[in-house]
Amino acid sequence: MVTKIKTRPFDPAEYLDTKEGQREYLAAAMETNDAAFIADAIGVVARARGMSSLASETGVNRQQLYKTLSPTGNPTLETLTKVMSALGMRLSVV
């Protein structure tokens, strides 16, 4: 007899409950140099912080943030800087 295993989708946003963890997650994403992964990672952190409040702070509507900060999104530099600023972070060059 085969027993079916019930699974559910993994959402890293559920586990990023500290600012330090969020910074480390984004730093690791930045090291990949994969634009889609970086955008998605910023979206994960945004969901962990609360997308609605982030939308208020950035002036970008919530649905647009979800779409833009996804693996298939293509955020502009303006959107990235607004979001990073609202998260209390900034992009930097090393």
C-alpha atoms as a PDB file:
ATOM      1  CA  MET A   1       0.000   0.000   0.000  1.00  0.00           C
ATOM      2  CA  VAL A   2       1.316   3.433  -0.972  1.00  0.00           C
ATOM      3  CA  THR A   3       0.916   6.227   1.560  1.00  0.00           C
ATOM      4  CA  LYS A   4       0.486   9.680   0.131  1.00  0.00           C
ATOM      5  CA  ILE A   5       2.538  12.402   1.759  1.00  0.00           C
ATOM      6  CA  LYS A   6       0.821  15.742   2.129  1.00  0.00           C
ATOM      7  CA  THR A   7       3.026  18.706   1.358  1.00  0.00           C
ATOM      8  CA  ARG A   8       2.555  22.441   1.168  1.00  0.00           C
ATOM      9  CA  PRO A   9       4.533  25.124  -0.657  1.00  0.00           C
ATOM     10  CA  PHE A  10       7.551  26.510   1.187  1.00  0.00           C
ATOM     11  CA  ASP A  11       7.478  30.282   1.722  1.00  0.00           C
ATOM     12  CA  PRO A  12      10.750  31.670   3.103  1.00  0.00           C
ATOM     13  CA  ALA A  13       8.923  34.879   4.101  1.00  0.00           C
ATOM     14  CA  GLU A  14       7.361  32.930   6.981  1.00  0.00           C
ATOM     15  CA  TYR A  15      10.824  32.375   8.477  1.00  0.00           C
ATOM     16  CA  LEU A  16      12.430  35.779   7.875  1.00  0.00           C
ATOM     17  CA  ASP A  17      11.155  37.365  11.052  1.00  0.00           C
ATOM     18  CA  THR A  18      14.218  39.437  11.965  1.00  0.00           C
ATOM     19  CA  LYS A  19      15.888  42.316  10.155  1.00  0.00           C
ATOM     20  CA  GLU A  20      19.233  40.523  10.459  1.00  0.00           C
ATOM     21  CA  GLY A  21      17.837  37.387   8.808  1.00  0.00           C
ATOM     22  CA  GLN A  22      16.304  39.494   6.060  1.00  0.00           C
ATOM     23  CA  ARG A  23      19.610  41.289   5.409  1.00  0.00           C
ATOM     24  CA  GLU A  24      21.475  37.976   5.252  1.00  0.00           C
ATOM     25  CA  TYR A  25      18.897  36.542   2.853  1.00  0.00           C
ATOM     26  CA  LEU A  26      19.236  39.552   0.536  1.00  0.00           C
ATOM     27  CA  ALA A  27      23.043  39.516   0.773  1.00  0.00           C
ATOM     28  CA  ALA A  28      23.086  35.855  -0.266  1.00  0.00           C
ATOM     29  CA  ALA A  29      20.730  36.628  -3.166  1.00  0.00           C
ATOM     30  CA  MET A  30      22.954  39.514  -4.317  1.00  0.00           C
ATOM     31  CA  GLU A  31      25.959  37.173  -4.432  1.00  0.00           C
ATOM     32  CA  THR A  32      24.242  35.107  -7.136  1.00  0.00           C
ATOM     33  CA  ASN A  33      24.196  38.016  -9.628  1.00  0.00           C
ATOM     34  CA  ASP A  34      20.899  36.542 -10.858  1.00  0.00           C
ATOM     35  CA  ALA A  35      18.532  39.485 -11.416  1.00  0.00           C
ATOM     36  CA  ALA A  36      15.375  37.345 -11.231  1.00  0.00           C
ATOM     37  CA  PHE A  37      16.485  35.700  -7.989  1.00  0.00           C
ATOM     38  CA  ILE A  38      17.432  39.073  -6.467  1.00  0.00           C
ATOM     39  CA  ALA A  39      14.063  40.595  -7.379  1.00  0.00           C
ATOM     40  CA  ASP A  40      12.301  37.561  -5.918  1.00  0.00           C
ATOM     41  CA  ALA A  41      14.398  37.760  -2.724  1.00  0.00           C
ATOM     42  CA  ILE A  42      13.458  41.419  -2.280  1.00  0.00           C
ATOM     43  CA  GLY A  43       9.838  40.359  -2.774  1.00  0.00           C
ATOM     44  CA  VAL A  44      10.208  37.651  -0.125  1.00  0.00           C
ATOM     45  CA  VAL A  45      11.559  40.181   2.368  1.00  0.00           C
ATOM     46  CA  ALA A  46       8.801  42.614   1.402  1.00  0.00           C
ATOM     47  CA  ARG A  47       6.187  39.927   2.135  1.00  0.00           C
ATOM     48  CA  ALA A  48       7.891  39.157   5.453  1.00  0.00           C
ATOM     49  CA  ARG A  49       7.633  42.841   6.416  1.00  0.00           C
ATOM     50  CA  GLY A  50       4.105  43.337   5.065  1.00  0.00           C
ATOM     51  CA  MET A  51       3.420  44.211   1.452  1.00  0.00           C
ATOM     52  CA  SER A  52       0.551  46.591   2.233  1.00  0.00           C
ATOM     53  CA  SER A  53       2.609  48.834   4.480  1.00  0.00           C
ATOM     54  CA  LEU A  54       5.476  48.726   1.995  1.00  0.00           C
ATOM     55  CA  ALA A  55       3.087  49.795  -0.780  1.00  0.00           C
ATOM     56  CA  SER A  56       2.017  52.762   1.348  1.00  0.00           C
ATOM     57  CA  GLU A  57       5.603  53.793   2.027  1.00  0.00           C
ATOM     58  CA  THR A  58       6.784  53.482  -1.570  1.00  0.00           C
ATOM     59  CA  GLY A  59       3.726  54.837  -3.356  1.00  0.00           C
ATOM     60  CA  VAL A  60       3.649  51.716  -5.564  1.00  0.00           C
ATOM     61  CA  ASN A  61       0.426  49.711  -5.388  1.00  0.00           C
ATOM     62  CA  ARG A  62       0.530  46.332  -3.678  1.00  0.00           C
ATOM     63  CA  GLN A  63      -0.381  44.270  -6.753  1.00  0.00           C
ATOM     64  CA  GLN A  64       2.342  45.980  -8.780  1.00  0.00           C
ATOM     65  CA  LEU A  65       4.882  45.239  -6.042  1.00  0.00           C
ATOM     66  CA  TYR A  66       3.922  41.549  -6.035  1.00  0.00           C
ATOM     67  CA  LYS A  67       4.273  41.410  -9.822  1.00  0.00           C
ATOM     68  CA  THR A  68       7.495  43.436  -9.990  1.00  0.00           C
ATOM     69  CA  LEU A  69       9.218  41.645  -7.111  1.00  0.00           C
ATOM     70  CA  SER A  70       8.680  38.152  -8.470  1.00  0.00           C
ATOM     71  CA  PRO A  71      11.009  35.812 -10.388  1.00  0.00           C
ATOM     72  CA  THR A  72       9.408  37.003 -13.649  1.00  0.00           C
ATOM     73  CA  GLY A  73       9.289  40.689 -12.667  1.00  0.00           C
ATOM     74  CA  ASN A  74      11.686  43.270 -13.974  1.00  0.00           C
ATOM     75  CA  PRO A  75      11.845  46.091 -11.415  1.00  0.00           C
ATOM     76  CA  THR A  76      13.207  49.463 -12.379  1.00  0.00           C
ATOM     77  CA  LEU A  77      16.071  50.952 -10.429  1.00  0.00           C
ATOM     78  CA  GLU A  78      13.623  53.554  -9.105  1.00  0.00           C
ATOM     79  CA  THR A  79      11.337  50.849  -7.712  1.00  0.00           C
ATOM     80  CA  LEU A  80      14.270  48.944  -6.212  1.00  0.00           C
ATOM     81  CA  THR A  81      15.618  52.006  -4.438  1.00  0.00           C
ATOM     82  CA  LYS A  82      12.151  52.902  -3.101  1.00  0.00           C
ATOM     83  CA  VAL A  83      11.592  49.391  -1.802  1.00  0.00           C
ATOM     84  CA  MET A  84      15.065  49.041  -0.300  1.00  0.00           C
ATOM     85  CA  SER A  85      14.703  52.413   1.402  1.00  0.00           C
ATOM     86  CA  ALA A  86      11.307  51.442   2.827  1.00  0.00           C
ATOM     87  CA  LEU A  87      12.910  48.229   4.124  1.00  0.00           C
ATOM     88  CA  GLY A  88      15.577  50.326   5.865  1.00  0.00           C
ATOM     89  CA  MET A  89      18.276  49.034   3.515  1.00  0.00           C
ATOM     90  CA  ARG A  90      20.190  50.353   0.545  1.00  0.00           C
ATOM     91  CA  LEU A  91      21.958  49.011  -2.506  1.00  0.00           C
ATOM     92  CA  SER A  92      25.721  49.442  -2.465  1.00  0.00           C
ATOM     93  CA  VAL A  93      28.715  48.666  -4.611  1.00  0.00           C
ATOM     94  CA  VAL A  94      31.633  46.646  -3.247  1.00  0.00           C
END
